[in-house]
Amino acid sequence: MTLSMNSVHRNKRLSGKLKTTTFNTKILDNLTTAVLVLDAAHCIYHMNPSAESMLETSNQHSQNSHIKELIRNANDLSHALISVGKSNTTLIIRKEELILINGNKLLVDFSIAAFQEADEGYLLLEFQEINRSISMSRKESLIANHETTVEMIRSLSHEIKNPLGGIRGAAQLLASELPHSQLQDYTNVIIEETDRLVNLVDRMTGAYKKLNIRALNVHEVLERVRSLIEAETQGAINLVRDYDPSLPEIMGDLEQLIQAVLNIMRNAMQALTETKLKAHLPQITLRTRALSHITIGSTTHKLIARIEIIDNGPGIPAEILDTIFYPLISGRAEGTGLGLSIAQTVIKNHAGLIECESKPGLTRFILSIPFMTEGDNS
């Protein structure tokens, strides 16, 4: 029996209705805007991944929690929620500072709207984090500046390495023609110094090596580096682990990631042990978290691994803070200024980014690495 065209259309509409809830949830969960749904008692009914990231919690963990359990200064917000619930109107509030339970502060614009579903009253909150756009611009600028600097140095290195190769070859020929072997000490100096300059240029450019990608846990990287630093400092620095054990595996190059983290950890170690103003109890904290809907450059990633390396040293001088990822920039007289530049290149090759915040007594390096598949790195 053949169905009529009208029957086919009715079946399609019915199928569409059955899928509506799932479809709407997918839309909500892929928004970059933070959205919370509260019940009539102002308890969390649902939050999308962007809200999880903004409030530094999870939908599952915060389910049925009162809004005041997530936001310390929620009194004004509660009054606004009550007002909207009674009047059934939409309220928009600009430049409101929210203080999270962990003490972090957010400057946001947000709106509150009331709606009914199955005879139950709900409140819809949409948050736009004002600092988010500033942070995104800073990340884009950091990536662009690093790419420009590396490209410039690569072009310069080509012009440097060509004559160095000629100098090295001439020194080798000269050495073979010298009548006395003692005179070869001078040509050996030329050859050795030429090789040293070539190696320096290669390190400055962060000569790209194909990533040896495999599934790994970021804690495997951190534990390897922690053990190295612990052996070097012999207990002089307190190493604190604040790990999220539920963090999924990432696809990455173990050795390169170890090198990147080691470069940052060694900087922190040197800042704590070499400064005249030593911390009362020198400490480095390693912290890991998973964050959702994070934008790096022009790409928004559904989930990233966030690694924080925090020390309580003297801090990075303000005059070089914006340039520490450039080659040859160092806050130490004996430093080469290559460690952080190489680390940034490694993390960038993993589609990620390193950021830094610093003030006396607190320096925080933030490594953001997307959870990616092998195909993402092609």
Protein backbone atom coordinates (compact mmCIF):
# COMPACT_ATOMS: atom_id res chain seq x y z
CA MET A 1 0.00 0.00 0.00
CA THR A 2 1.43 3.37 -1.03
CA LEU A 3 1.36 6.23 1.50
CA SER A 4 -0.05 9.54 0.31
CA MET A 5 2.22 12.59 0.12
CA ASN A 6 0.32 14.19 3.04
CA SER A 7 0.96 11.08 5.17
CA VAL A 8 4.66 11.27 4.42
CA HIS A 9 4.75 14.92 5.45
CA ARG A 10 2.84 14.17 8.67
CA ASN A 11 5.30 11.38 9.52
CA LYS A 12 8.23 13.71 8.92
CA ARG A 13 6.72 16.37 11.18
CA LEU A 14 6.11 13.76 13.91
CA SER A 15 9.70 12.56 13.58
CA GLY A 16 10.87 16.16 13.80
CA LYS A 17 8.90 16.73 17.02
CA LEU A 18 10.43 13.65 18.62
CA LYS A 19 13.93 14.95 17.85
CA THR A 20 13.28 18.54 18.91
CA THR A 21 14.51 18.16 22.51
CA THR A 22 17.79 16.55 21.46
CA PHE A 23 18.24 19.10 18.68
CA ASN A 24 17.65 22.06 21.02
CA THR A 25 20.04 20.63 23.59
CA LYS A 26 22.75 20.32 20.93
CA ILE A 27 22.22 23.94 19.93
CA LEU A 28 22.40 25.07 23.56
CA ASP A 29 25.54 23.06 24.25
CA ASN A 30 27.36 24.46 21.23
CA LEU A 31 26.71 28.12 22.03
CA THR A 32 29.73 30.20 23.05
CA THR A 33 27.36 32.23 25.27
CA ALA A 34 27.08 30.98 28.87
CA VAL A 35 23.48 29.87 29.50
CA LEU A 36 21.93 28.75 32.81
CA VAL A 37 18.41 27.49 33.39
CA LEU A 38 17.13 27.89 36.97
CA ASP A 39 13.98 26.47 38.48
CA ALA A 40 11.51 28.53 40.50
CA ALA A 41 13.65 28.10 43.63
CA HIS A 42 16.69 29.55 41.80
CA CYS A 43 18.46 26.18 41.72
CA ILE A 44 20.46 24.98 38.74
CA TYR A 45 18.33 22.98 36.32
CA HIS A 46 20.82 23.02 33.45
CA MET A 47 23.96 24.82 32.33
CA ASN A 48 25.66 24.57 28.96
CA PRO A 49 29.41 23.90 28.54
CA SER A 50 30.19 27.61 28.13
CA ALA A 51 28.56 28.27 31.51
CA GLU A 52 30.53 25.39 33.02
CA SER A 53 33.73 27.01 31.77
CA MET A 54 32.77 30.49 32.99
CA LEU A 55 31.67 29.35 36.45
CA GLU A 56 34.47 26.76 36.72
CA THR A 57 32.15 23.90 37.59
CA SER A 58 30.17 21.19 35.81
CA ASN A 59 26.48 20.74 35.10
CA GLN A 60 26.52 17.36 36.83
CA HIS A 61 28.30 18.65 39.94
CA SER A 62 26.08 21.74 40.27
CA GLN A 63 22.74 20.11 39.48
CA ASN A 64 20.07 21.36 41.95
CA SER A 65 22.57 23.69 43.64
CA HIS A 66 21.29 27.14 44.54
CA ILE A 67 22.77 29.97 42.49
CA LYS A 68 24.34 31.36 45.70
CA GLU A 69 26.41 28.17 45.96
CA LEU A 70 28.17 29.18 42.71
CA ILE A 71 28.30 32.96 43.05
CA ARG A 72 29.33 34.60 46.33
CA ASN A 73 27.80 38.02 45.72
CA ALA A 74 24.48 36.74 44.36
CA ASN A 75 22.19 38.90 46.51
CA ASP A 76 21.55 41.50 43.79
CA LEU A 77 21.20 38.71 41.27
CA SER A 78 18.64 36.96 43.49
CA HIS A 79 16.57 40.15 43.74
CA ALA A 80 16.65 40.47 39.96
CA LEU A 81 15.57 36.83 39.57
CA ILE A 82 12.64 37.38 41.93
CA SER A 83 11.61 40.53 40.04
CA VAL A 84 11.67 38.78 36.64
CA GLY A 85 9.81 35.77 38.02
CA LYS A 86 6.99 37.99 39.30
CA SER A 87 6.72 40.34 36.31
CA ASN A 88 7.41 37.73 33.62
CA THR A 89 9.57 40.26 31.74
CA THR A 90 13.14 40.24 30.44
CA LEU A 91 15.80 42.12 32.38
CA ILE A 92 19.21 43.11 31.00
CA ILE A 93 22.05 44.12 33.34
CA ARG A 94 25.36 45.61 32.14
CA LYS A 95 28.86 45.40 33.62
CA GLU A 96 28.07 43.41 36.73
CA GLU A 97 30.96 41.95 38.72
CA LEU A 98 30.41 38.38 39.86
CA ILE A 99 32.59 36.70 42.47
CA LEU A 100 32.81 32.93 42.14
CA ILE A 101 33.07 30.61 45.13
CA ASN A 102 36.81 30.18 44.50
CA GLY A 103 37.27 33.96 44.66
CA ASN A 104 37.77 34.59 40.95
CA LYS A 105 36.02 37.69 39.63
CA LEU A 106 34.11 38.06 36.37
CA LEU A 107 32.82 41.21 34.69
CA VAL A 108 29.70 40.31 32.71
CA ASP A 109 26.65 41.55 30.87
CA PHE A 110 23.66 39.27 31.41
CA SER A 111 19.96 38.93 30.76
CA ILE A 112 17.21 37.14 32.70
CA ALA A 113 14.02 35.85 31.08
CA ALA A 114 11.13 33.81 32.52
CA PHE A 115 9.36 30.98 30.72
CA GLN A 116 6.94 28.15 31.41
CA GLU A 117 7.39 24.49 30.57
CA ALA A 118 4.91 21.76 31.57
CA ASP A 119 3.26 24.15 34.02
CA GLU A 120 6.58 24.79 35.76
CA GLY A 121 8.28 28.19 35.92
CA TYR A 122 11.92 28.56 34.87
CA LEU A 123 14.42 31.39 34.53
CA LEU A 124 16.88 31.65 31.64
CA LEU A 125 20.18 33.47 32.29
CA GLU A 126 22.51 34.42 29.44
CA PHE A 127 25.96 35.71 30.36
CA GLN A 128 28.40 37.56 28.12
CA GLU A 129 31.80 37.75 29.80
CA ILE A 130 33.26 41.18 28.98
CA ASN A 131 36.80 40.08 29.75
CA ARG A 132 36.39 37.18 27.32
CA SER A 133 36.73 39.39 24.24
CA ILE A 134 39.80 41.08 25.77
CA SER A 135 41.30 37.67 26.52
CA MET A 136 40.59 36.43 23.00
CA SER A 137 42.24 39.52 21.48
CA ARG A 138 45.27 39.02 23.72
CA LYS A 139 45.56 35.37 22.68
CA GLU A 140 45.27 36.27 18.99
CA SER A 141 47.93 38.95 19.44
CA LEU A 142 50.22 36.52 21.30
CA ILE A 143 49.92 33.93 18.51
CA ALA A 144 50.39 36.49 15.73
CA ASN A 145 53.44 38.07 17.39
CA HIS A 146 55.04 34.68 18.00
CA GLU A 147 54.46 33.58 14.40
CA THR A 148 55.85 36.85 13.02
CA THR A 149 58.95 36.70 15.23
CA VAL A 150 59.69 33.06 14.40
CA GLU A 151 59.22 33.68 10.67
CA MET A 152 61.54 36.70 10.79
CA ILE A 153 64.22 34.72 12.64
CA ARG A 154 63.90 31.81 10.20
CA SER A 155 64.51 34.18 7.29
CA LEU A 156 67.45 35.73 9.14
CA SER A 157 68.86 32.31 10.05
CA HIS A 158 68.95 31.34 6.36
CA GLU A 159 71.11 34.39 5.64
CA ILE A 160 73.37 33.58 8.61
CA LYS A 161 73.80 29.84 8.03
CA ASN A 162 74.87 30.16 4.39
CA PRO A 163 78.07 32.15 5.10
CA LEU A 164 78.70 30.07 8.22
CA GLY A 165 78.75 26.97 6.04
CA GLY A 166 81.31 28.64 3.79
CA ILE A 167 83.46 29.68 6.75
CA ARG A 168 83.37 26.14 8.16
CA GLY A 169 84.31 24.59 4.82
CA ALA A 170 87.17 27.05 4.32
CA ALA A 171 88.48 26.33 7.82
CA GLN A 172 88.48 22.58 7.09
CA LEU A 173 90.38 23.10 3.83
CA LEU A 174 92.84 25.41 5.57
CA ALA A 175 93.40 22.82 8.32
CA SER A 176 94.31 20.18 5.75
CA GLU A 177 96.94 22.49 4.21
CA LEU A 178 98.62 23.61 7.42
CA PRO A 179 102.20 22.35 7.83
CA HIS A 180 102.03 21.95 11.61
CA SER A 181 99.27 20.18 13.50
CA GLN A 182 99.58 22.72 16.35
CA LEU A 183 98.24 25.38 14.00
CA GLN A 184 95.04 23.35 13.60
CA ASP A 185 94.03 24.49 17.07
CA TYR A 186 93.12 27.82 15.48
CA THR A 187 91.09 26.26 12.69
CA ASN A 188 89.38 23.99 15.22
CA VAL A 189 88.27 27.10 17.11
CA ILE A 190 86.73 28.48 13.89
CA ILE A 191 84.94 25.19 13.17
CA GLU A 192 83.68 24.73 16.73
CA GLU A 193 82.42 28.33 17.00
CA THR A 194 80.74 28.03 13.61
CA ASP A 195 78.96 24.85 14.74
CA ARG A 196 77.94 26.59 17.97
CA LEU A 197 76.40 29.48 16.03
CA VAL A 198 74.52 27.10 13.73
CA ASN A 199 73.12 25.25 16.77
CA LEU A 200 72.14 28.56 18.37
CA VAL A 201 70.29 29.65 15.23
CA ASP A 202 68.49 26.28 15.06
CA ARG A 203 67.41 26.63 18.68
CA MET A 204 66.22 30.20 18.08
CA THR A 205 64.03 29.13 15.19
CA GLY A 206 62.74 26.11 17.08
CA ALA A 207 63.50 23.95 14.04
CA TYR A 208 60.30 22.00 13.43
CA LYS A 209 60.36 18.28 14.05
CA LYS A 210 57.48 16.07 13.00
CA LEU A 211 55.36 15.27 16.01
CA ASN A 212 55.53 11.69 17.23
CA ILE A 213 51.83 11.60 18.10
CA ARG A 214 50.38 9.08 20.50
CA ALA A 215 47.69 8.97 23.16
CA LEU A 216 49.05 10.16 26.50
CA ASN A 217 47.93 11.53 29.82
CA VAL A 218 49.17 15.04 30.63
CA HIS A 219 49.99 13.82 34.15
CA GLU A 220 52.56 11.48 32.60
CA VAL A 221 54.33 14.60 31.27
CA LEU A 222 54.04 16.52 34.53
CA GLU A 223 55.24 13.63 36.68
CA ARG A 224 58.34 13.13 34.52
CA VAL A 225 59.24 16.80 34.83
CA ARG A 226 58.37 16.92 38.53
CA SER A 227 60.75 14.05 39.27
CA LEU A 228 63.56 15.83 37.37
CA ILE A 229 63.04 19.10 39.24
CA GLU A 230 62.77 17.25 42.56
CA ALA A 231 66.11 15.55 41.89
CA GLU A 232 67.77 18.87 40.95
CA THR A 233 66.47 20.84 43.94
CA GLN A 234 66.92 18.08 46.56
CA GLY A 235 63.80 19.16 48.43
CA ALA A 236 64.62 22.88 48.45
CA ILE A 237 61.32 23.61 46.66
CA ASN A 238 57.93 22.29 47.72
CA LEU A 239 56.28 20.71 44.66
CA VAL A 240 52.48 20.58 45.00
CA ARG A 241 50.23 18.47 42.77
CA ASP A 242 46.66 19.60 42.18
CA TYR A 243 45.55 17.20 39.45
CA ASP A 244 42.17 16.40 37.99
CA PRO A 245 42.41 12.58 37.79
CA SER A 246 39.42 12.36 35.45
CA LEU A 247 41.25 14.22 32.67
CA PRO A 248 41.00 12.24 29.40
CA GLU A 249 44.02 11.46 27.29
CA ILE A 250 45.33 13.88 24.69
CA MET A 251 47.10 13.13 21.41
CA GLY A 252 50.62 14.53 21.64
CA ASP A 253 54.37 14.12 21.39
CA LEU A 254 55.56 13.02 24.84
CA GLU A 255 59.20 14.12 24.50
CA GLN A 256 58.38 17.55 23.07
CA LEU A 257 55.73 18.22 25.72
CA ILE A 258 58.19 17.17 28.45
CA GLN A 259 60.72 19.65 27.00
CA ALA A 260 58.16 22.47 26.95
CA VAL A 261 57.02 21.89 30.55
CA LEU A 262 60.62 21.39 31.72
CA ASN A 263 61.65 24.75 30.25
CA ILE A 264 58.90 26.51 32.21
CA MET A 265 59.54 24.56 35.42
CA ARG A 266 63.28 25.29 35.25
CA ASN A 267 62.52 29.00 34.91
CA ALA A 268 60.34 28.80 38.02
CA MET A 269 63.02 26.81 39.86
CA GLN A 270 65.71 29.34 38.99
CA ALA A 271 63.48 32.24 40.00
CA LEU A 272 62.91 30.63 43.41
CA THR A 273 66.49 29.56 44.12
CA GLU A 274 68.56 32.36 42.60
CA THR A 275 66.66 35.49 43.63
CA LYS A 276 67.85 37.54 46.58
CA LEU A 277 64.23 37.87 47.72
CA LYS A 278 63.56 34.18 48.21
CA ALA A 279 60.07 33.04 49.12
CA HIS A 280 59.68 32.00 52.77
CA LEU A 281 58.68 28.54 51.53
CA PRO A 282 59.59 28.22 47.83
CA GLN A 283 56.75 26.39 46.10
CA ILE A 284 55.70 25.31 42.61
CA THR A 285 52.15 24.08 42.08
CA LEU A 286 51.14 21.89 39.15
CA ARG A 287 47.40 22.11 38.44
CA THR A 288 45.34 20.40 35.72
CA ARG A 289 41.74 20.96 34.69
CA ALA A 290 39.53 20.30 31.67
CA LEU A 291 37.74 23.35 30.24
CA SER A 292 35.12 23.46 27.53
CA HIS A 293 34.44 25.90 24.68
CA ILE A 294 37.79 27.68 24.87
CA THR A 295 38.90 29.86 21.96
CA ILE A 296 42.56 29.74 20.91
CA GLY A 297 43.31 32.11 18.07
CA SER A 298 40.37 31.86 15.68
CA THR A 299 39.35 28.32 16.71
CA THR A 300 36.92 27.40 19.49
CA HIS A 301 37.70 23.99 20.95
CA LYS A 302 35.01 21.92 22.63
CA LEU A 303 37.40 20.65 25.29
CA ILE A 304 40.96 21.52 26.29
CA ALA A 305 43.47 20.40 28.89
CA ARG A 306 44.53 23.37 31.00
CA ILE A 307 47.87 22.99 32.78
CA GLU A 308 48.93 25.65 35.27
CA ILE A 309 52.48 25.97 36.57
CA ILE A 310 52.41 28.37 39.52
CA ASP A 311 55.32 29.60 41.64
CA ASN A 312 55.52 32.01 44.57
CA GLY A 313 58.75 33.66 43.44
CA PRO A 314 59.54 37.34 42.86
CA GLY A 315 57.58 37.53 39.60
CA ILE A 316 58.58 38.54 36.09
CA PRO A 317 59.61 42.19 35.54
CA ALA A 318 56.67 44.12 34.10
CA GLU A 319 58.81 45.59 31.31
CA ILE A 320 59.47 42.17 29.75
CA LEU A 321 56.23 40.34 30.64
CA ASP A 322 54.68 40.94 27.20
CA THR A 323 57.80 39.76 25.36
CA ILE A 324 58.97 36.72 27.36
CA PHE A 325 58.02 34.31 24.55
CA TYR A 326 60.26 36.14 22.06
CA PRO A 327 63.68 34.53 21.43
CA LEU A 328 66.61 36.04 23.38
CA ILE A 329 64.36 37.77 25.94
CA SER A 330 65.36 36.79 29.47
CA GLY A 331 65.00 38.22 32.94
CA ARG A 332 68.27 36.56 33.99
CA ALA A 333 71.70 37.94 33.08
CA GLU A 334 72.99 34.44 32.27
CA GLY A 335 69.79 33.28 30.54
CA THR A 336 69.65 32.55 26.80
CA GLY A 337 66.02 33.60 26.41
CA LEU A 338 65.25 30.52 24.29
CA GLY A 339 63.43 28.24 26.76
CA LEU A 340 60.03 29.95 26.71
CA SER A 341 60.16 30.61 22.98
CA ILE A 342 60.80 26.89 22.34
CA ALA A 343 58.04 25.93 24.79
CA GLN A 344 55.55 28.21 23.01
CA THR A 345 56.50 26.70 19.64
CA VAL A 346 55.99 23.15 20.98
CA ILE A 347 52.55 23.93 22.42
CA LYS A 348 51.58 25.84 19.27
CA ASN A 349 52.50 22.75 17.24
CA HIS A 350 49.90 20.95 19.39
CA ALA A 351 47.31 23.59 18.37
CA GLY A 352 47.60 25.14 21.83
CA LEU A 353 48.95 28.24 23.53
CA ILE A 354 50.95 29.32 26.59
CA GLU A 355 49.94 32.43 28.53
CA CYS A 356 51.53 34.06 31.55
CA GLU A 357 50.27 36.14 34.48
CA SER A 358 52.77 37.49 36.97
CA LYS A 359 53.08 39.71 40.01
CA PRO A 360 55.43 39.57 43.00
CA GLY A 361 54.71 36.36 44.89
CA LEU A 362 52.64 34.74 42.13
CA THR A 363 53.62 33.74 38.59
CA ARG A 364 51.25 31.53 36.63
CA PHE A 365 52.02 29.90 33.27
CA ILE A 366 48.85 28.55 31.63
CA LEU A 367 49.21 25.85 28.97
CA SER A 368 46.07 25.18 26.92
CA ILE A 369 46.16 22.03 24.79
CA PRO A 370 43.07 20.87 22.87
CA PHE A 371 42.00 17.27 23.13
CA MET A 372 42.61 16.37 19.50
CA THR A 373 42.70 13.34 17.26
CA GLU A 374 45.64 12.38 15.08
CA GLY A 375 43.74 13.74 12.08
CA ASP A 376 43.52 17.17 13.70
CA ASN A 377 47.27 17.53 13.54
CA SER A 378 47.67 16.81 9.86
